[in-house]
PDB file of N, CA and C in Angstrom:
ATOM      1  N   MET A   1      -7.175 -28.606  -8.417  1.00  0.00           N
ATOM      2  CA  MET A   1      -5.960 -28.221  -7.729  1.00  0.00           C
ATOM      3  C   MET A   1      -4.755 -28.996  -8.266  1.00  0.00           C
ATOM      4  N   LYS A   2      -4.958 -30.263  -8.641  1.00  0.00           N
ATOM      5  CA  LYS A   2      -3.843 -31.060  -9.151  1.00  0.00           C
ATOM      6  C   LYS A   2      -3.289 -30.492 -10.448  1.00  0.00           C
ATOM      7  N   LYS A   3      -4.142 -29.869 -11.255  1.00  0.00           N
ATOM      8  CA  LYS A   3      -3.672 -29.305 -12.510  1.00  0.00           C
ATOM      9  C   LYS A   3      -2.922 -27.996 -12.296  1.00  0.00           C
ATOM     10  N   ALA A   4      -3.110 -27.345 -11.168  1.00  0.00           N
ATOM     11  CA  ALA A   4      -2.433 -26.080 -10.892  1.00  0.00           C
ATOM     12  C   ALA A   4      -1.027 -26.281 -10.328  1.00  0.00           C
ATOM     13  N   ILE A   5      -0.754 -27.433  -9.753  1.00  0.00           N
ATOM     14  CA  ILE A   5       0.534 -27.678  -9.102  1.00  0.00           C
ATOM     15  C   ILE A   5       1.713 -27.560 -10.072  1.00  0.00           C
ATOM     16  N   PRO A   6       1.662 -28.119 -11.290  1.00  0.00           N
ATOM     17  CA  PRO A   6       2.811 -27.934 -12.195  1.00  0.00           C
ATOM     18  C   PRO A   6       3.092 -26.469 -12.523  1.00  0.00           C
ATOM     19  N   TYR A   7       2.048 -25.664 -12.633  1.00  0.00           N
ATOM     20  CA  TYR A   7       2.237 -24.248 -12.915  1.00  0.00           C
ATOM     21  C   TYR A   7       2.861 -23.524 -11.724  1.00  0.00           C
ATOM     22  N   ILE A   8       2.505 -23.941 -10.520  1.00  0.00           N
ATOM     23  CA  ILE A   8       3.122 -23.375  -9.323  1.00  0.00           C
ATOM     24  C   ILE A   8       4.609 -23.725  -9.298  1.00  0.00           C
ATOM     25  N   TYR A   9       4.934 -24.975  -9.639  1.00  0.00           N
ATOM     26  CA  TYR A   9       6.336 -25.389  -9.733  1.00  0.00           C
ATOM     27  C   TYR A   9       7.081 -24.515 -10.750  1.00  0.00           C
ATOM     28  N   LEU A  10       6.470 -24.266 -11.893  1.00  0.00           N
ATOM     29  CA  LEU A  10       7.112 -23.461 -12.931  1.00  0.00           C
ATOM     30  C   LEU A  10       7.361 -22.029 -12.449  1.00  0.00           C
ATOM     31  N   ILE A  11       6.383 -21.446 -11.771  1.00  0.00           N
ATOM     32  CA  ILE A  11       6.533 -20.080 -11.277  1.00  0.00           C
ATOM     33  C   ILE A  11       7.637 -19.991 -10.229  1.00  0.00           C
ATOM     34  N   VAL A  12       7.661 -20.935  -9.297  1.00  0.00           N
ATOM     35  CA  VAL A  12       8.690 -20.938  -8.261  1.00  0.00           C
ATOM     36  C   VAL A  12      10.071 -21.184  -8.877  1.00  0.00           C
ATOM     37  N   GLY A  13      10.168 -22.102  -9.808  1.00  0.00           N
ATOM     38  CA  GLY A  13      11.438 -22.383 -10.470  1.00  0.00           C
ATOM     39  C   GLY A  13      11.965 -21.194 -11.240  1.00  0.00           C
ATOM     40  N   ILE A  14      11.083 -20.515 -11.952  1.00  0.00           N
ATOM     41  CA  ILE A  14      11.485 -19.320 -12.700  1.00  0.00           C
ATOM     42  C   ILE A  14      11.953 -18.223 -11.754  1.00  0.00           C
ATOM     43  N   SER A  15      11.293 -18.093 -10.604  1.00  0.00           N
ATOM     44  CA  SER A  15      11.715 -17.062  -9.650  1.00  0.00           C
ATOM     45  C   SER A  15      13.100 -17.368  -9.077  1.00  0.00           C
ATOM     46  N   PHE A  16      13.405 -18.643  -8.814  1.00  0.00           N
ATOM     47  CA  PHE A  16      14.736 -19.015  -8.336  1.00  0.00           C
ATOM     48  C   PHE A  16      15.796 -18.700  -9.397  1.00  0.00           C
ATOM     49  N   VAL A  17      15.527 -19.062 -10.639  1.00  0.00           N
ATOM     50  CA  VAL A  17      16.479 -18.809 -11.715  1.00  0.00           C
ATOM     51  C   VAL A  17      16.657 -17.307 -11.925  1.00  0.00           C
ATOM     52  N   ALA A  18      15.570 -16.553 -11.853  1.00  0.00           N
ATOM     53  CA  ALA A  18      15.656 -15.100 -12.017  1.00  0.00           C
ATOM     54  C   ALA A  18      16.478 -14.469 -10.892  1.00  0.00           C
ATOM     55  N   LYS A  19      16.295 -14.953  -9.656  1.00  0.00           N
ATOM     56  CA  LYS A  19      17.096 -14.434  -8.545  1.00  0.00           C
ATOM     57  C   LYS A  19      18.567 -14.744  -8.750  1.00  0.00           C
ATOM     58  N   GLY A  20      18.875 -15.893  -9.291  1.00  0.00           N
ATOM     59  CA  GLY A  20      20.256 -16.258  -9.565  1.00  0.00           C
ATOM     60  C   GLY A  20      20.888 -15.344 -10.601  1.00  0.00           C
ATOM     61  N   PHE A  21      20.178 -15.087 -11.693  1.00  0.00           N
ATOM     62  CA  PHE A  21      20.711 -14.203 -12.728  1.00  0.00           C
ATOM     63  C   PHE A  21      20.771 -12.756 -12.253  1.00  0.00           C
ATOM     64  N   TYR A  22      19.815 -12.351 -11.431  1.00  0.00           N
ATOM     65  CA  TYR A  22      19.819 -10.997 -10.872  1.00  0.00           C
ATOM     66  C   TYR A  22      21.042 -10.781  -9.990  1.00  0.00           C
ATOM     67  N   ALA A  23      21.432 -11.807  -9.236  1.00  0.00           N
ATOM     68  CA  ALA A  23      22.575 -11.701  -8.329  1.00  0.00           C
ATOM     69  C   ALA A  23      23.891 -11.620  -9.089  1.00  0.00           C
ATOM     70  N   ILE A  24      23.939 -12.136 -10.317  1.00  0.00           N
ATOM     71  CA  ILE A  24      25.162 -12.056 -11.104  1.00  0.00           C
ATOM     72  C   ILE A  24      25.516 -10.599 -11.385  1.00  0.00           C
ATOM     73  N   PHE A  25      24.496  -9.778 -11.621  1.00  0.00           N
ATOM     74  CA  PHE A  25      24.724  -8.391 -12.019  1.00  0.00           C
ATOM     75  C   PHE A  25      24.717  -7.403 -10.854  1.00  0.00           C
ATOM     76  N   ASN A  26      24.333  -7.837  -9.648  1.00  0.00           N
ATOM     77  CA  ASN A  26      24.273  -6.942  -8.492  1.00  0.00           C
ATOM     78  C   ASN A  26      25.108  -7.489  -7.353  1.00  0.00           C
ATOM     79  N   GLU A  27      25.810  -6.609  -6.670  1.00  0.00           N
ATOM     80  CA  GLU A  27      26.681  -6.992  -5.562  1.00  0.00           C
ATOM     81  C   GLU A  27      25.982  -6.678  -4.236  1.00  0.00           C
ATOM     82  N   LEU A  28      25.911  -7.667  -3.357  1.00  0.00           N
ATOM     83  CA  LEU A  28      25.339  -7.505  -2.033  1.00  0.00           C
ATOM     84  C   LEU A  28      26.360  -7.948  -0.992  1.00  0.00           C
ATOM     85  N   ASP A  29      26.172  -7.504   0.247  1.00  0.00           N
ATOM     86  CA  ASP A  29      27.079  -7.910   1.323  1.00  0.00           C
ATOM     87  C   ASP A  29      26.769  -9.325   1.789  1.00  0.00           C
ATOM     88  N   ILE A  30      25.479  -9.616   1.982  1.00  0.00           N
ATOM     89  CA  ILE A  30      25.045 -10.930   2.458  1.00  0.00           C
ATOM     90  C   ILE A  30      23.945 -11.431   1.537  1.00  0.00           C
ATOM     91  N   TYR A  31      24.050 -12.682   1.154  1.00  0.00           N
ATOM     92  CA  TYR A  31      23.054 -13.319   0.304  1.00  0.00           C
ATOM     93  C   TYR A  31      22.292 -14.339   1.139  1.00  0.00           C
ATOM     94  N   TYR A  32      20.964 -14.235   1.151  1.00  0.00           N
ATOM     95  CA  TYR A  32      20.125 -15.174   1.906  1.00  0.00           C
ATOM     96  C   TYR A  32      19.691 -16.304   0.984  1.00  0.00           C
ATOM     97  N   LEU A  33      20.061 -17.534   1.366  1.00  0.00           N
ATOM     98  CA  LEU A  33      19.733 -18.685   0.542  1.00  0.00           C
ATOM     99  C   LEU A  33      18.285 -19.104   0.751  1.00  0.00           C
ATOM    100  N   ILE A  34      17.969 -19.551   1.950  1.00  0.00           N
ATOM    101  CA  ILE A  34      16.621 -19.999   2.277  1.00  0.00           C
ATOM    102  C   ILE A  34      16.468 -19.931   3.790  1.00  0.00           C
ATOM    103  N   PHE A  35      15.328 -19.494   4.230  1.00  0.00           N
ATOM    104  CA  PHE A  35      15.033 -19.292   5.648  1.00  0.00           C
ATOM    105  C   PHE A  35      16.107 -18.402   6.274  1.00  0.00           C
ATOM    106  N   SER A  36      16.853 -18.845   7.249  1.00  0.00           N
ATOM    107  CA  SER A  36      17.876 -17.994   7.874  1.00  0.00           C
ATOM    108  C   SER A  36      19.278 -18.370   7.426  1.00  0.00           C
ATOM    109  N   LEU A  37      19.402 -19.223   6.435  1.00  0.00           N
ATOM    110  CA  LEU A  37      20.706 -19.632   5.915  1.00  0.00           C
ATOM    111  C   LEU A  37      21.242 -18.535   5.007  1.00  0.00           C
ATOM    112  N   GLU A  38      22.436 -18.070   5.320  1.00  0.00           N
ATOM    113  CA  GLU A  38      23.007 -16.971   4.542  1.00  0.00           C
ATOM    114  C   GLU A  38      24.447 -17.282   4.165  1.00  0.00           C
ATOM    115  N   THR A  39      24.923 -16.569   3.153  1.00  0.00           N
ATOM    116  CA  THR A  39      26.300 -16.723   2.700  1.00  0.00           C
ATOM    117  C   THR A  39      26.814 -15.373   2.231  1.00  0.00           C
ATOM    118  N   LYS A  40      28.113 -15.216   2.253  1.00  0.00           N
ATOM    119  CA  LYS A  40      28.733 -13.997   1.731  1.00  0.00           C
ATOM    120  C   LYS A  40      29.307 -14.223   0.338  1.00  0.00           C
ATOM    121  N   SER A  41      29.293 -15.468  -0.110  1.00  0.00           N
ATOM    122  CA  SER A  41      29.847 -15.816  -1.414  1.00  0.00           C
ATOM    123  C   SER A  41      28.777 -15.679  -2.498  1.00  0.00           C
ATOM    124  N   LYS A  42      29.086 -14.869  -3.465  1.00  0.00           N
ATOM    125  CA  LYS A  42      28.160 -14.659  -4.571  1.00  0.00           C
ATOM    126  C   LYS A  42      28.020 -15.917  -5.420  1.00  0.00           C
ATOM    127  N   SER A  43      29.119 -16.623  -5.637  1.00  0.00           N
ATOM    128  CA  SER A  43      29.076 -17.802  -6.501  1.00  0.00           C
ATOM    129  C   SER A  43      28.242 -18.926  -5.882  1.00  0.00           C
ATOM    130  N   ILE A  44      28.321 -19.110  -4.572  1.00  0.00           N
ATOM    131  CA  ILE A  44      27.498 -20.131  -3.915  1.00  0.00           C
ATOM    132  C   ILE A  44      26.025 -19.772  -4.025  1.00  0.00           C
ATOM    133  N   TYR A  45      25.713 -18.500  -3.853  1.00  0.00           N
ATOM    134  CA  TYR A  45      24.327 -18.046  -3.961  1.00  0.00           C
ATOM    135  C   TYR A  45      23.779 -18.288  -5.369  1.00  0.00           C
ATOM    136  N   VAL A  46      24.579 -17.939  -6.373  1.00  0.00           N
ATOM    137  CA  VAL A  46      24.140 -18.118  -7.761  1.00  0.00           C
ATOM    138  C   VAL A  46      23.974 -19.601  -8.077  1.00  0.00           C
ATOM    139  N   LEU A  47      24.947 -20.419  -7.688  1.00  0.00           N
ATOM    140  CA  LEU A  47      24.848 -21.860  -7.937  1.00  0.00           C
ATOM    141  C   LEU A  47      23.652 -22.477  -7.223  1.00  0.00           C
ATOM    142  N   PHE A  48      23.408 -22.081  -5.983  1.00  0.00           N
ATOM    143  CA  PHE A  48      22.267 -22.581  -5.217  1.00  0.00           C
ATOM    144  C   PHE A  48      20.962 -22.267  -5.939  1.00  0.00           C
ATOM    145  N   ASN A  49      20.794 -21.012  -6.329  1.00  0.00           N
ATOM    146  CA  ASN A  49      19.543 -20.612  -6.979  1.00  0.00           C
ATOM    147  C   ASN A  49      19.370 -21.246  -8.343  1.00  0.00           C
ATOM    148  N   LEU A  50      20.442 -21.320  -9.119  1.00  0.00           N
ATOM    149  CA  LEU A  50      20.312 -21.925 -10.438  1.00  0.00           C
ATOM    150  C   LEU A  50      20.068 -23.432 -10.350  1.00  0.00           C
ATOM    151  N   PHE A  51      20.729 -24.104  -9.415  1.00  0.00           N
ATOM    152  CA  PHE A  51      20.542 -25.544  -9.263  1.00  0.00           C
ATOM    153  C   PHE A  51      19.121 -25.870  -8.818  1.00  0.00           C
ATOM    154  N   PHE A  52      18.678 -25.249  -7.723  1.00  0.00           N
ATOM    155  CA  PHE A  52      17.350 -25.571  -7.222  1.00  0.00           C
ATOM    156  C   PHE A  52      16.249 -25.025  -8.127  1.00  0.00           C
ATOM    157  N   GLY A  53      16.486 -23.892  -8.762  1.00  0.00           N
ATOM    158  CA  GLY A  53      15.513 -23.389  -9.733  1.00  0.00           C
ATOM    159  C   GLY A  53      15.372 -24.327 -10.913  1.00  0.00           C
ATOM    160  N   GLY A  54      16.494 -24.837 -11.409  1.00  0.00           N
ATOM    161  CA  GLY A  54      16.448 -25.806 -12.504  1.00  0.00           C
ATOM    162  C   GLY A  54      15.786 -27.104 -12.103  1.00  0.00           C
ATOM    163  N   LEU A  55      16.056 -27.556 -10.891  1.00  0.00           N
ATOM    164  CA  LEU A  55      15.431 -28.779 -10.384  1.00  0.00           C
ATOM    165  C   LEU A  55      13.918 -28.622 -10.254  1.00  0.00           C
ATOM    166  N   ILE A  56      13.483 -27.490  -9.749  1.00  0.00           N
ATOM    167  CA  ILE A  56      12.049 -27.229  -9.604  1.00  0.00           C
ATOM    168  C   ILE A  56      11.401 -27.090 -10.979  1.00  0.00           C
ATOM    169  N   LEU A  57      12.074 -26.409 -11.901  1.00  0.00           N
ATOM    170  CA  LEU A  57      11.548 -26.297 -13.267  1.00  0.00           C
ATOM    171  C   LEU A  57      11.426 -27.661 -13.934  1.00  0.00           C
ATOM    172  N   PHE A  58      12.442 -28.498 -13.788  1.00  0.00           N
ATOM    173  CA  PHE A  58      12.417 -29.843 -14.360  1.00  0.00           C
ATOM    174  C   PHE A  58      11.243 -30.644 -13.801  1.00  0.00           C
ATOM    175  N   THR A  59      11.035 -30.560 -12.488  1.00  0.00           N
ATOM    176  CA  THR A  59       9.921 -31.280 -11.862  1.00  0.00           C
ATOM    177  C   THR A  59       8.577 -30.760 -12.362  1.00  0.00           C
ATOM    178  N   GLY A  60       8.458 -29.437 -12.479  1.00  0.00           N
ATOM    179  CA  GLY A  60       7.210 -28.850 -12.976  1.00  0.00           C
ATOM    180  C   GLY A  60       6.904 -29.255 -14.399  1.00  0.00           C
ATOM    181  N   ILE A  61       7.934 -29.281 -15.240  1.00  0.00           N
ATOM    182  CA  ILE A  61       7.741 -29.673 -16.636  1.00  0.00           C
ATOM    183  C   ILE A  61       7.353 -31.147 -16.731  1.00  0.00           C
ATOM    184  N   ARG A  62       8.009 -31.994 -15.937  1.00  0.00           N
ATOM    185  CA  ARG A  62       7.660 -33.418 -15.933  1.00  0.00           C
ATOM    186  C   ARG A  62       6.216 -33.638 -15.480  1.00  0.00           C
ATOM    187  N   ARG A  63       5.796 -32.928 -14.435  1.00  0.00           N
ATOM    188  CA  ARG A  63       4.413 -33.083 -13.961  1.00  0.00           C
ATOM    189  C   ARG A  63       3.417 -32.558 -15.011  1.00  0.00           C
ATOM    190  N   LEU A  64       3.769 -31.481 -15.671  1.00  0.00           N
ATOM    191  CA  LEU A  64       2.902 -30.940 -16.701  1.00  0.00           C
ATOM    192  C   LEU A  64       2.777 -31.919 -17.864  1.00  0.00           C
ATOM    193  N   GLN A  65       3.866 -32.577 -18.234  1.00  0.00           N
ATOM    194  CA  GLN A  65       3.826 -33.555 -19.309  1.00  0.00           C
ATOM    195  C   GLN A  65       2.995 -34.780 -18.917  1.00  0.00           C
ATOM    196  N   SER A  66       3.079 -35.179 -17.646  1.00  0.00           N
ATOM    197  CA  SER A  66       2.305 -36.350 -17.214  1.00  0.00           C
ATOM    198  C   SER A  66       0.809 -36.044 -17.174  1.00  0.00           C
ATOM    199  N   PHE A  67       0.439 -34.811 -16.893  1.00  0.00           N
ATOM    200  CA  PHE A  67      -0.985 -34.446 -16.905  1.00  0.00           C
ATOM    201  C   PHE A  67      -1.526 -34.326 -18.321  1.00  0.00           C
ATOM    202  N   ASN A  68      -0.662 -33.961 -19.261  1.00  0.00           N
ATOM    203  CA  ASN A  68      -1.107 -33.793 -20.641  1.00  0.00           C
ATOM    204  C   ASN A  68      -1.232 -35.106 -21.390  1.00  0.00           C
ATOM    205  N   LYS A  69      -0.753 -36.204 -20.846  1.00  0.00           N
ATOM    206  CA  LYS A  69      -0.856 -37.514 -21.517  1.00  0.00           C
ATOM    207  C   LYS A  69      -2.244 -38.061 -21.457  1.00  0.00           C
TER     208      LYS A  69
END
């Protein structure tokens, strides 16, 4: 299970980044950030997803590198 965790981080991080890029090209009335937190600003939604997606990806890559040592 410990070896699967970095891959889970990578999948979740990629999904956050993909949602961020998807929102750049599509216009919605309300953007849901996480749980019941919502915003009407497209730029906040994109920044939120790209920031946290990048953070999760960075963590997943670091954990994957530590397991490969």
